[in-house]
């Protein structure tokens, strides 16, 4: 079985794109939080700020996981491809050695 390193890297890039998109969501949440704080001075703001902070933390956790998974996919695909090439080279060298005998 051969590994399609290009497909694996495309999947890793897609995860990075999703992480970047989530970071945009996080930035928008922070902007919205700031805007609300400027225009709304009520007791409920404490609850809203806590909820937004919880969302920020969750998004950060998901972004970290996506970035880690992306890196793992790329490095594992590269390692598997290298191992595959080494096996093929060893097999070819074995065949050449048999023909040379």
PDB file of N, CA and C in Angstrom:
ATOM      1  N   UNK A   1       0.845  -1.176   0.000  1.00  0.00           N
ATOM      2  CA  UNK A   1       0.000   0.000   0.000  1.00  0.00           C
ATOM      3  C   UNK A   1       0.892   1.241   0.000  1.00  0.00           C
ATOM      4  N   UNK A   2       0.646   2.102  -0.935  1.00  0.00           N
ATOM      5  CA  UNK A   2       1.430   3.333  -0.988  1.00  0.00           C
ATOM      6  C   UNK A   2       0.630   4.479  -0.379  1.00  0.00           C
ATOM      7  N   UNK A   3       1.346   5.364   0.244  1.00  0.00           N
ATOM      8  CA  UNK A   3       0.696   6.523   0.866  1.00  0.00           C
ATOM      9  C   UNK A   3       0.698   7.685  -0.118  1.00  0.00           C
ATOM     10  N   UNK A   4      -0.410   8.358  -0.184  1.00  0.00           N
ATOM     11  CA  UNK A   4      -0.518   9.546  -1.022  1.00  0.00           C
ATOM     12  C   UNK A   4      -0.160  10.754  -0.157  1.00  0.00           C
ATOM     13  N   UNK A   5       1.116  11.099  -0.193  1.00  0.00           N
ATOM     14  CA  UNK A   5       1.610  12.172   0.670  1.00  0.00           C
ATOM     15  C   UNK A   5       0.978  13.514   0.307  1.00  0.00           C
ATOM     16  N   UNK A   6       0.626  13.684  -0.965  1.00  0.00           N
ATOM     17  CA  UNK A   6       0.001  14.939  -1.388  1.00  0.00           C
ATOM     18  C   UNK A   6      -1.393  15.070  -0.787  1.00  0.00           C
ATOM     19  N   UNK A   7      -2.144  13.974  -0.770  1.00  0.00           N
ATOM     20  CA  UNK A   7      -3.485  13.997  -0.165  1.00  0.00           C
ATOM     21  C   UNK A   7      -3.385  14.221   1.343  1.00  0.00           C
ATOM     22  N   UNK A   8      -2.418  13.577   1.976  1.00  0.00           N
ATOM     23  CA  UNK A   8      -2.236  13.751   3.422  1.00  0.00           C
ATOM     24  C   UNK A   8      -1.881  15.200   3.740  1.00  0.00           C
ATOM     25  N   UNK A   9      -0.989  15.776   2.951  1.00  0.00           N
ATOM     26  CA  UNK A   9      -0.609  17.174   3.178  1.00  0.00           C
ATOM     27  C   UNK A   9      -1.773  18.123   2.883  1.00  0.00           C
ATOM     28  N   UNK A  10      -2.614  17.764   1.914  1.00  0.00           N
ATOM     29  CA  UNK A  10      -3.796  18.582   1.628  1.00  0.00           C
ATOM     30  C   UNK A  10      -4.756  18.548   2.820  1.00  0.00           C
ATOM     31  N   UNK A  11      -4.897  17.387   3.425  1.00  0.00           N
ATOM     32  CA  UNK A  11      -5.750  17.280   4.608  1.00  0.00           C
ATOM     33  C   UNK A  11      -5.164  18.096   5.763  1.00  0.00           C
ATOM     34  N   UNK A  12      -3.866  18.035   5.922  1.00  0.00           N
ATOM     35  CA  UNK A  12      -3.209  18.803   6.980  1.00  0.00           C
ATOM     36  C   UNK A  12      -3.406  20.301   6.754  1.00  0.00           C
ATOM     37  N   UNK A  13      -3.284  20.736   5.496  1.00  0.00           N
ATOM     38  CA  UNK A  13      -3.503  22.155   5.181  1.00  0.00           C
ATOM     39  C   UNK A  13      -4.950  22.558   5.468  1.00  0.00           C
ATOM     40  N   UNK A  14      -5.878  21.672   5.176  1.00  0.00           N
ATOM     41  CA  UNK A  14      -7.303  21.958   5.427  1.00  0.00           C
ATOM     42  C   UNK A  14      -7.540  22.156   6.929  1.00  0.00           C
ATOM     43  N   UNK A  15      -6.901  21.336   7.745  1.00  0.00           N
ATOM     44  CA  UNK A  15      -7.022  21.500   9.194  1.00  0.00           C
ATOM     45  C   UNK A  15      -6.443  22.834   9.643  1.00  0.00           C
ATOM     46  N   UNK A  16      -5.323  23.229   9.044  1.00  0.00           N
ATOM     47  CA  UNK A  16      -4.729  24.533   9.357  1.00  0.00           C
ATOM     48  C   UNK A  16      -5.674  25.677   8.964  1.00  0.00           C
ATOM     49  N   UNK A  17      -6.347  25.508   7.821  1.00  0.00           N
ATOM     50  CA  UNK A  17      -7.301  26.529   7.390  1.00  0.00           C
ATOM     51  C   UNK A  17      -8.473  26.631   8.362  1.00  0.00           C
ATOM     52  N   UNK A  18      -8.940  25.491   8.833  1.00  0.00           N
ATOM     53  CA  UNK A  18     -10.038  25.486   9.802  1.00  0.00           C
ATOM     54  C   UNK A  18      -9.593  26.143  11.107  1.00  0.00           C
ATOM     55  N   UNK A  19      -8.359  25.886  11.514  1.00  0.00           N
ATOM     56  CA  UNK A  19      -7.828  26.511  12.726  1.00  0.00           C
ATOM     57  C   UNK A  19      -7.766  28.022  12.551  1.00  0.00           C
ATOM     58  N   UNK A  20      -7.324  28.476  11.382  1.00  0.00           N
ATOM     59  CA  UNK A  20      -7.257  29.919  11.107  1.00  0.00           C
ATOM     60  C   UNK A  20      -8.660  30.531  11.120  1.00  0.00           C
ATOM     61  N   UNK A  21      -9.616  29.807  10.580  1.00  0.00           N
ATOM     62  CA  UNK A  21     -10.993  30.284  10.582  1.00  0.00           C
ATOM     63  C   UNK A  21     -11.525  30.423  12.008  1.00  0.00           C
ATOM     64  N   UNK A  22     -11.208  29.460  12.840  1.00  0.00           N
ATOM     65  CA  UNK A  22     -11.632  29.531  14.242  1.00  0.00           C
ATOM     66  C   UNK A  22     -10.953  30.687  14.974  1.00  0.00           C
ATOM     67  N   UNK A  23      -9.712  30.956  14.636  1.00  0.00           N
ATOM     68  CA  UNK A  23      -9.030  32.108  15.241  1.00  0.00           C
ATOM     69  C   UNK A  23      -9.726  33.414  14.851  1.00  0.00           C
ATOM     70  N   UNK A  24     -10.248  33.465  13.624  1.00  0.00           N
ATOM     71  CA  UNK A  24     -11.030  34.628  13.196  1.00  0.00           C
ATOM     72  C   UNK A  24     -12.298  34.757  14.033  1.00  0.00           C
ATOM     73  N   UNK A  25     -12.955  33.635  14.280  1.00  0.00           N
ATOM     74  CA  UNK A  25     -14.157  33.632  15.116  1.00  0.00           C
ATOM     75  C   UNK A  25     -13.810  34.156  16.510  1.00  0.00           C
ATOM     76  N   UNK A  26     -12.686  33.698  17.024  1.00  0.00           N
ATOM     77  CA  UNK A  26     -12.252  34.130  18.351  1.00  0.00           C
ATOM     78  C   UNK A  26     -12.007  35.645  18.380  1.00  0.00           C
ATOM     79  N   UNK A  27     -11.340  36.160  17.355  1.00  0.00           N
ATOM     80  CA  UNK A  27     -11.093  37.605  17.274  1.00  0.00           C
ATOM     81  C   UNK A  27     -12.413  38.378  17.205  1.00  0.00           C
ATOM     82  N   UNK A  28     -13.360  37.855  16.419  1.00  0.00           N
ATOM     83  CA  UNK A  28     -14.660  38.512  16.312  1.00  0.00           C
ATOM     84  C   UNK A  28     -15.391  38.515  17.652  1.00  0.00           C
ATOM     85  N   UNK A  29     -15.270  37.425  18.391  1.00  0.00           N
ATOM     86  CA  UNK A  29     -15.876  37.370  19.721  1.00  0.00           C
ATOM     87  C   UNK A  29     -15.284  38.438  20.633  1.00  0.00           C
ATOM     88  N   UNK A  30     -13.972  38.562  20.581  1.00  0.00           N
ATOM     89  CA  UNK A  30     -13.314  39.576  21.408  1.00  0.00           C
ATOM     90  C   UNK A  30     -13.752  40.985  21.023  1.00  0.00           C
ATOM     91  N   UNK A  31     -13.869  41.229  19.721  1.00  0.00           N
ATOM     92  CA  UNK A  31     -14.332  42.549  19.261  1.00  0.00           C
ATOM     93  C   UNK A  31     -15.762  42.810  19.732  1.00  0.00           C
ATOM     94  N   UNK A  32     -16.603  41.788  19.614  1.00  0.00           N
ATOM     95  CA  UNK A  32     -17.983  41.938  20.042  1.00  0.00           C
ATOM     96  C   UNK A  32     -18.052  42.182  21.548  1.00  0.00           C
ATOM     97  N   UNK A  33     -17.226  41.481  22.284  1.00  0.00           N
ATOM     98  CA  UNK A  33     -17.183  41.654  23.738  1.00  0.00           C
ATOM     99  C   UNK A  33     -16.821  43.102  24.080  1.00  0.00           C
ATOM    100  N   UNK A  34     -15.818  43.631  23.418  1.00  0.00           N
ATOM    101  CA  UNK A  34     -15.406  45.020  23.652  1.00  0.00           C
ATOM    102  C   UNK A  34     -16.501  46.010  23.300  1.00  0.00           C
ATOM    103  N   UNK A  35     -17.158  45.769  22.184  1.00  0.00           N
ATOM    104  CA  UNK A  35     -18.239  46.650  21.760  1.00  0.00           C
ATOM    105  C   UNK A  35     -19.388  46.623  22.764  1.00  0.00           C
ATOM    106  N   UNK A  36     -19.739  45.425  23.203  1.00  0.00           N
ATOM    107  CA  UNK A  36     -20.824  45.302  24.184  1.00  0.00           C
ATOM    108  C   UNK A  36     -20.472  45.982  25.502  1.00  0.00           C
ATOM    109  N   UNK A  37     -19.231  45.821  25.927  1.00  0.00           N
ATOM    110  CA  UNK A  37     -18.811  46.436  27.190  1.00  0.00           C
ATOM    111  C   UNK A  37     -18.883  47.962  27.119  1.00  0.00           C
ATOM    112  N   UNK A  38     -18.615  48.517  25.931  1.00  0.00           N
ATOM    113  CA  UNK A  38     -18.677  49.970  25.782  1.00  0.00           C
ATOM    114  C   UNK A  38     -20.108  50.480  25.818  1.00  0.00           C
ATOM    115  N   UNK A  39     -21.034  49.685  25.285  1.00  0.00           N
ATOM    116  CA  UNK A  39     -22.386  50.184  25.144  1.00  0.00           C
ATOM    117  C   UNK A  39     -23.398  49.631  26.132  1.00  0.00           C
ATOM    118  N   UNK A  40     -23.006  48.673  26.928  1.00  0.00           N
ATOM    119  CA  UNK A  40     -23.981  48.033  27.807  1.00  0.00           C
ATOM    120  C   UNK A  40     -23.378  47.852  29.189  1.00  0.00           C
ATOM    121  N   UNK A  41     -23.844  48.585  30.127  1.00  0.00           N
ATOM    122  CA  UNK A  41     -23.359  48.523  31.504  1.00  0.00           C
ATOM    123  C   UNK A  41     -24.463  47.936  32.386  1.00  0.00           C
ATOM    124  N   UNK A  42     -24.584  46.625  32.373  1.00  0.00           N
ATOM    125  CA  UNK A  42     -25.622  45.972  33.182  1.00  0.00           C
ATOM    126  C   UNK A  42     -25.000  44.781  33.905  1.00  0.00           C
ATOM    127  N   UNK A  43     -25.689  44.317  34.917  1.00  0.00           N
ATOM    128  CA  UNK A  43     -25.220  43.164  35.686  1.00  0.00           C
ATOM    129  C   UNK A  43     -25.067  41.938  34.799  1.00  0.00           C
ATOM    130  N   UNK A  44     -25.922  41.845  33.795  1.00  0.00           N
ATOM    131  CA  UNK A  44     -25.885  40.696  32.888  1.00  0.00           C
ATOM    132  C   UNK A  44     -24.567  40.592  32.129  1.00  0.00           C
ATOM    133  N   UNK A  45     -23.869  41.699  32.027  1.00  0.00           N
ATOM    134  CA  UNK A  45     -22.585  41.686  31.298  1.00  0.00           C
ATOM    135  C   UNK A  45     -21.599  40.716  31.931  1.00  0.00           C
ATOM    136  N   UNK A  46     -21.653  40.543  33.244  1.00  0.00           N
ATOM    137  CA  UNK A  46     -20.763  39.569  33.890  1.00  0.00           C
ATOM    138  C   UNK A  46     -21.014  38.176  33.339  1.00  0.00           C
ATOM    139  N   UNK A  47     -22.289  37.817  33.194  1.00  0.00           N
ATOM    140  CA  UNK A  47     -22.638  36.500  32.661  1.00  0.00           C
ATOM    141  C   UNK A  47     -22.220  36.377  31.199  1.00  0.00           C
ATOM    142  N   UNK A  48     -22.464  37.439  30.455  1.00  0.00           N
ATOM    143  CA  UNK A  48     -22.097  37.437  29.044  1.00  0.00           C
ATOM    144  C   UNK A  48     -20.581  37.356  28.880  1.00  0.00           C
ATOM    145  N   UNK A  49     -19.848  38.122  29.666  1.00  0.00           N
ATOM    146  CA  UNK A  49     -18.380  38.071  29.596  1.00  0.00           C
ATOM    147  C   UNK A  49     -17.857  36.687  29.953  1.00  0.00           C
ATOM    148  N   UNK A  50     -18.450  36.066  30.965  1.00  0.00           N
ATOM    149  CA  UNK A  50     -18.038  34.708  31.340  1.00  0.00           C
ATOM    150  C   UNK A  50     -18.310  33.714  30.218  1.00  0.00           C
ATOM    151  N   UNK A  51     -19.474  33.846  29.590  1.00  0.00           N
ATOM    152  CA  UNK A  51     -19.814  32.952  28.481  1.00  0.00           C
ATOM    153  C   UNK A  51     -18.859  33.143  27.309  1.00  0.00           C
ATOM    154  N   UNK A  52     -18.541  34.382  26.995  1.00  0.00           N
ATOM    155  CA  UNK A  52     -17.615  34.664  25.894  1.00  0.00           C
ATOM    156  C   UNK A  52     -16.223  34.135  26.238  1.00  0.00           C
ATOM    157  N   UNK A  53     -15.798  34.298  27.471  1.00  0.00           N
ATOM    158  CA  UNK A  53     -14.494  33.775  27.894  1.00  0.00           C
ATOM    159  C   UNK A  53     -14.448  32.253  27.781  1.00  0.00           C
ATOM    160  N   UNK A  54     -15.545  31.597  28.147  1.00  0.00           N
ATOM    161  CA  UNK A  54     -15.613  30.135  28.006  1.00  0.00           C
ATOM    162  C   UNK A  54     -15.489  29.732  26.542  1.00  0.00           C
ATOM    163  N   UNK A  55     -16.184  30.462  25.670  1.00  0.00           N
ATOM    164  CA  UNK A  55     -16.110  30.169  24.230  1.00  0.00           C
ATOM    165  C   UNK A  55     -14.691  30.385  23.705  1.00  0.00           C
ATOM    166  N   UNK A  56     -14.053  31.454  24.158  1.00  0.00           N
ATOM    167  CA  UNK A  56     -12.676  31.725  23.736  1.00  0.00           C
ATOM    168  C   UNK A  56     -11.753  30.571  24.121  1.00  0.00           C
ATOM    169  N   UNK A  57     -11.898  30.089  25.349  1.00  0.00           N
ATOM    170  CA  UNK A  57     -11.057  28.976  25.807  1.00  0.00           C
ATOM    171  C   UNK A  57     -11.329  27.706  24.983  1.00  0.00           C
ATOM    172  N   UNK A  58     -12.594  27.432  24.724  1.00  0.00           N
ATOM    173  CA  UNK A  58     -12.940  26.253  23.924  1.00  0.00           C
ATOM    174  C   UNK A  58     -12.361  26.359  22.520  1.00  0.00           C
ATOM    175  N   UNK A  59     -12.505  27.514  21.929  1.00  0.00           N
ATOM    176  CA  UNK A  59     -11.962  27.717  20.580  1.00  0.00           C
ATOM    177  C   UNK A  59     -10.448  27.535  20.602  1.00  0.00           C
ATOM    178  N   UNK A  60      -9.789  28.095  21.611  1.00  0.00           N
ATOM    179  CA  UNK A  60      -8.335  27.932  21.723  1.00  0.00           C
ATOM    180  C   UNK A  60      -7.930  26.469  21.832  1.00  0.00           C
ATOM    181  N   UNK A  61      -8.682  25.710  22.603  1.00  0.00           N
ATOM    182  CA  UNK A  61      -8.397  24.276  22.757  1.00  0.00           C
ATOM    183  C   UNK A  61      -8.567  23.546  21.427  1.00  0.00           C
ATOM    184  N   UNK A  62      -9.632  23.875  20.705  1.00  0.00           N
ATOM    185  CA  UNK A  62      -9.890  23.232  19.413  1.00  0.00           C
ATOM    186  C   UNK A  62      -8.811  23.617  18.406  1.00  0.00           C
ATOM    187  N   UNK A  63      -8.429  24.892  18.385  1.00  0.00           N
ATOM    188  CA  UNK A  63      -7.377  25.354  17.464  1.00  0.00           C
ATOM    189  C   UNK A  63      -6.078  24.598  17.741  1.00  0.00           C
ATOM    190  N   UNK A  64      -5.712  24.480  19.012  1.00  0.00           N
ATOM    191  CA  UNK A  64      -4.493  23.748  19.365  1.00  0.00           C
ATOM    192  C   UNK A  64      -4.560  22.300  18.885  1.00  0.00           C
ATOM    193  N   UNK A  65      -5.721  21.674  19.075  1.00  0.00           N
ATOM    194  CA  UNK A  65      -5.884  20.276  18.660  1.00  0.00           C
ATOM    195  C   UNK A  65      -5.789  20.145  17.138  1.00  0.00           C
ATOM    196  N   UNK A  66      -6.415  21.052  16.411  1.00  0.00           N
ATOM    197  CA  UNK A  66      -6.354  21.008  14.949  1.00  0.00           C
ATOM    198  C   UNK A  66      -4.933  21.210  14.441  1.00  0.00           C
ATOM    199  N   UNK A  67      -4.224  22.153  15.033  1.00  0.00           N
ATOM    200  CA  UNK A  67      -2.850  22.406  14.607  1.00  0.00           C
ATOM    201  C   UNK A  67      -1.946  21.215  14.923  1.00  0.00           C
ATOM    202  N   UNK A  68      -2.156  20.612  16.075  1.00  0.00           N
ATOM    203  CA  UNK A  68      -1.368  19.442  16.451  1.00  0.00           C
ATOM    204  C   UNK A  68      -1.661  18.271  15.514  1.00  0.00           C
ATOM    205  N   UNK A  69      -2.940  18.062  15.232  1.00  0.00           N
ATOM    206  CA  UNK A  69      -3.326  16.982  14.330  1.00  0.00           C
ATOM    207  C   UNK A  69      -2.765  17.208  12.931  1.00  0.00           C
ATOM    208  N   UNK A  70      -2.794  18.442  12.484  1.00  0.00           N
ATOM    209  CA  UNK A  70      -2.238  18.780  11.174  1.00  0.00           C
ATOM    210  C   UNK A  70      -0.755  18.440  11.106  1.00  0.00           C
ATOM    211  N   UNK A  71      -0.026  18.831  12.131  1.00  0.00           N
ATOM    212  CA  UNK A  71       1.416  18.535  12.170  1.00  0.00           C
ATOM    213  C   UNK A  71       1.652  17.029  12.224  1.00  0.00           C
ATOM    214  N   UNK A  72       0.842  16.314  13.002  1.00  0.00           N
ATOM    215  CA  UNK A  72       0.980  14.859  13.099  1.00  0.00           C
ATOM    216  C   UNK A  72       0.720  14.187  11.761  1.00  0.00           C
ATOM    217  N   UNK A  73      -0.298  14.640  11.048  1.00  0.00           N
ATOM    218  CA  UNK A  73      -0.619  14.060   9.742  1.00  0.00           C
ATOM    219  C   UNK A  73       0.550  14.248   8.785  1.00  0.00           C
ATOM    220  N   UNK A  74       1.073  15.459   8.727  1.00  0.00           N
ATOM    221  CA  UNK A  74       2.183  15.738   7.807  1.00  0.00           C
ATOM    222  C   UNK A  74       3.425  14.928   8.149  1.00  0.00           C
ATOM    223  N   UNK A  75       3.789  14.911   9.423  1.00  0.00           N
ATOM    224  CA  UNK A  75       5.015  14.194   9.794  1.00  0.00           C
ATOM    225  C   UNK A  75       4.841  12.683   9.647  1.00  0.00           C
ATOM    226  N   UNK A  76       3.674  12.157   9.977  1.00  0.00           N
ATOM    227  CA  UNK A  76       3.443  10.717   9.826  1.00  0.00           C
ATOM    228  C   UNK A  76       3.439  10.316   8.358  1.00  0.00           C
ATOM    229  N   UNK A  77       2.807  11.126   7.515  1.00  0.00           N
ATOM    230  CA  UNK A  77       2.796  10.831   6.084  1.00  0.00           C
ATOM    231  C   UNK A  77       4.212  10.837   5.519  1.00  0.00           C
ATOM    232  N   UNK A  78       5.005  11.812   5.923  1.00  0.00           N
ATOM    233  CA  UNK A  78       6.398  11.877   5.452  1.00  0.00           C
ATOM    234  C   UNK A  78       7.195  10.671   5.926  1.00  0.00           C
ATOM    235  N   UNK A  79       6.990  10.300   7.184  1.00  0.00           N
ATOM    236  CA  UNK A  79       7.708   9.146   7.727  1.00  0.00           C
ATOM    237  C   UNK A  79       7.301   7.860   7.008  1.00  0.00           C
ATOM    238  N   UNK A  80       5.996   7.674   6.795  1.00  0.00           N
ATOM    239  CA  UNK A  80       5.535   6.476   6.092  1.00  0.00           C
ATOM    240  C   UNK A  80       6.064   6.432   4.661  1.00  0.00           C
ATOM    241  N   UNK A  81       6.081   7.573   3.997  1.00  0.00           N
ATOM    242  CA  UNK A  81       6.601   7.639   2.633  1.00  0.00           C
ATOM    243  C   UNK A  81       8.087   7.287   2.607  1.00  0.00           C
ATOM    244  N   UNK A  82       8.836   7.807   3.583  1.00  0.00           N
ATOM    245  CA  UNK A  82      10.267   7.506   3.670  1.00  0.00           C
ATOM    246  C   UNK A  82      10.485   6.012   3.885  1.00  0.00           C
ATOM    247  N   UNK A  83       9.720   5.430   4.805  1.00  0.00           N
ATOM    248  CA  UNK A  83       9.846   3.994   5.084  1.00  0.00           C
ATOM    249  C   UNK A  83       9.494   3.163   3.853  1.00  0.00           C
ATOM    250  N   UNK A  84       8.472   3.599   3.138  1.00  0.00           N
ATOM    251  CA  UNK A  84       8.055   2.912   1.918  1.00  0.00           C
ATOM    252  C   UNK A  84       9.175   2.949   0.875  1.00  0.00           C
ATOM    253  N   UNK A  85       9.785   4.114   0.719  1.00  0.00           N
ATOM    254  CA  UNK A  85      10.882   4.261  -0.243  1.00  0.00           C
ATOM    255  C   UNK A  85      12.085   3.422   0.174  1.00  0.00           C
ATOM    256  N   UNK A  86      12.361   3.348   1.470  1.00  0.00           N
ATOM    257  CA  UNK A  86      13.472   2.527   1.961  1.00  0.00           C
ATOM    258  C   UNK A  86      13.222   1.043   1.686  1.00  0.00           C
ATOM    259  N   UNK A  87      11.979   0.593   1.892  1.00  0.00           N
ATOM    260  CA  UNK A  87      11.646  -0.810   1.616  1.00  0.00           C
ATOM    261  C   UNK A  87      11.815  -1.122   0.136  1.00  0.00           C
ATOM    262  N   UNK A  88      11.349  -0.203  -0.716  1.00  0.00           N
ATOM    263  CA  UNK A  88      11.468  -0.401  -2.154  1.00  0.00           C
ATOM    264  C   UNK A  88      12.933  -0.417  -2.583  1.00  0.00           C
ATOM    265  N   UNK A  89      13.741   0.464  -1.985  1.00  0.00           N
ATOM    266  CA  UNK A  89      15.167   0.499  -2.315  1.00  0.00           C
ATOM    267  C   UNK A  89      15.847  -0.785  -1.854  1.00  0.00           C
ATOM    268  N   UNK A  90      15.485  -1.260  -0.664  1.00  0.00           N
ATOM    269  CA  UNK A  90      16.073  -2.502  -0.162  1.00  0.00           C
ATOM    270  C   UNK A  90      15.658  -3.681  -1.033  1.00  0.00           C
ATOM    271  N   UNK A  91      14.415  -3.685  -1.455  1.00  0.00           N
ATOM    272  CA  UNK A  91      13.926  -4.758  -2.330  1.00  0.00           C
ATOM    273  C   UNK A  91      14.662  -4.725  -3.674  1.00  0.00           C
ATOM    274  N   UNK A  92      14.821  -3.517  -4.230  1.00  0.00           N
ATOM    275  CA  UNK A  92      15.543  -3.371  -5.487  1.00  0.00           C
ATOM    276  C   UNK A  92      16.988  -3.797  -5.344  1.00  0.00           C
ATOM    277  N   UNK A  93      17.617  -3.438  -4.225  1.00  0.00           N
ATOM    278  CA  UNK A  93      19.011  -3.814  -3.995  1.00  0.00           C
ATOM    279  C   UNK A  93      19.121  -5.322  -3.861  1.00  0.00           C
ATOM    280  N   UNK A  94      18.153  -5.951  -3.224  1.00  0.00           N
ATOM    281  CA  UNK A  94      18.142  -7.408  -3.089  1.00  0.00           C
ATOM    282  C   UNK A  94      18.003  -8.097  -4.427  1.00  0.00           C
ATOM    283  N   UNK A  95      17.163  -7.556  -5.271  1.00  0.00           N
ATOM    284  CA  UNK A  95      16.980  -8.126  -6.618  1.00  0.00           C
ATOM    285  C   UNK A  95      18.236  -7.958  -7.449  1.00  0.00           C
ATOM    286  N   UNK A  96      18.904  -6.798  -7.318  1.00  0.00           N
ATOM    287  CA  UNK A  96      20.134  -6.568  -8.062  1.00  0.00           C
ATOM    288  C   UNK A  96      21.233  -7.516  -7.579  1.00  0.00           C
ATOM    289  N   UNK A  97      21.292  -7.767  -6.281  1.00  0.00           N
ATOM    290  CA  UNK A  97      22.291  -8.645  -5.733  1.00  0.00           C
ATOM    291  C   UNK A  97      22.076 -10.066  -6.222  1.00  0.00           C
ATOM    292  N   UNK A  98      20.809 -10.480  -6.339  1.00  0.00           N
ATOM    293  CA  UNK A  98      20.512 -11.840  -6.832  1.00  0.00           C
ATOM    294  C   UNK A  98      20.900 -11.968  -8.302  1.00  0.00           C
ATOM    295  N   UNK A  99      20.659 -10.933  -9.091  1.00  0.00           N
ATOM    296  CA  UNK A  99      20.995 -10.978 -10.517  1.00  0.00           C
ATOM    297  C   UNK A  99      22.503 -10.976 -10.724  1.00  0.00           C
ATOM    298  N   UNK A 100      23.226 -10.329  -9.811  1.00  0.00           N
ATOM    299  CA  UNK A 100      24.669 -10.239  -9.933  1.00  0.00           C
ATOM    300  C   UNK A 100      25.374 -11.540  -9.540  1.00  0.00           C
ATOM    301  N   UNK A 101      24.666 -12.431  -8.852  1.00  0.00           N
ATOM    302  CA  UNK A 101      25.280 -13.687  -8.391  1.00  0.00           C
ATOM    303  C   UNK A 101      25.484 -14.668  -9.493  1.00  0.00           C
TER     304      UNK A 101
END
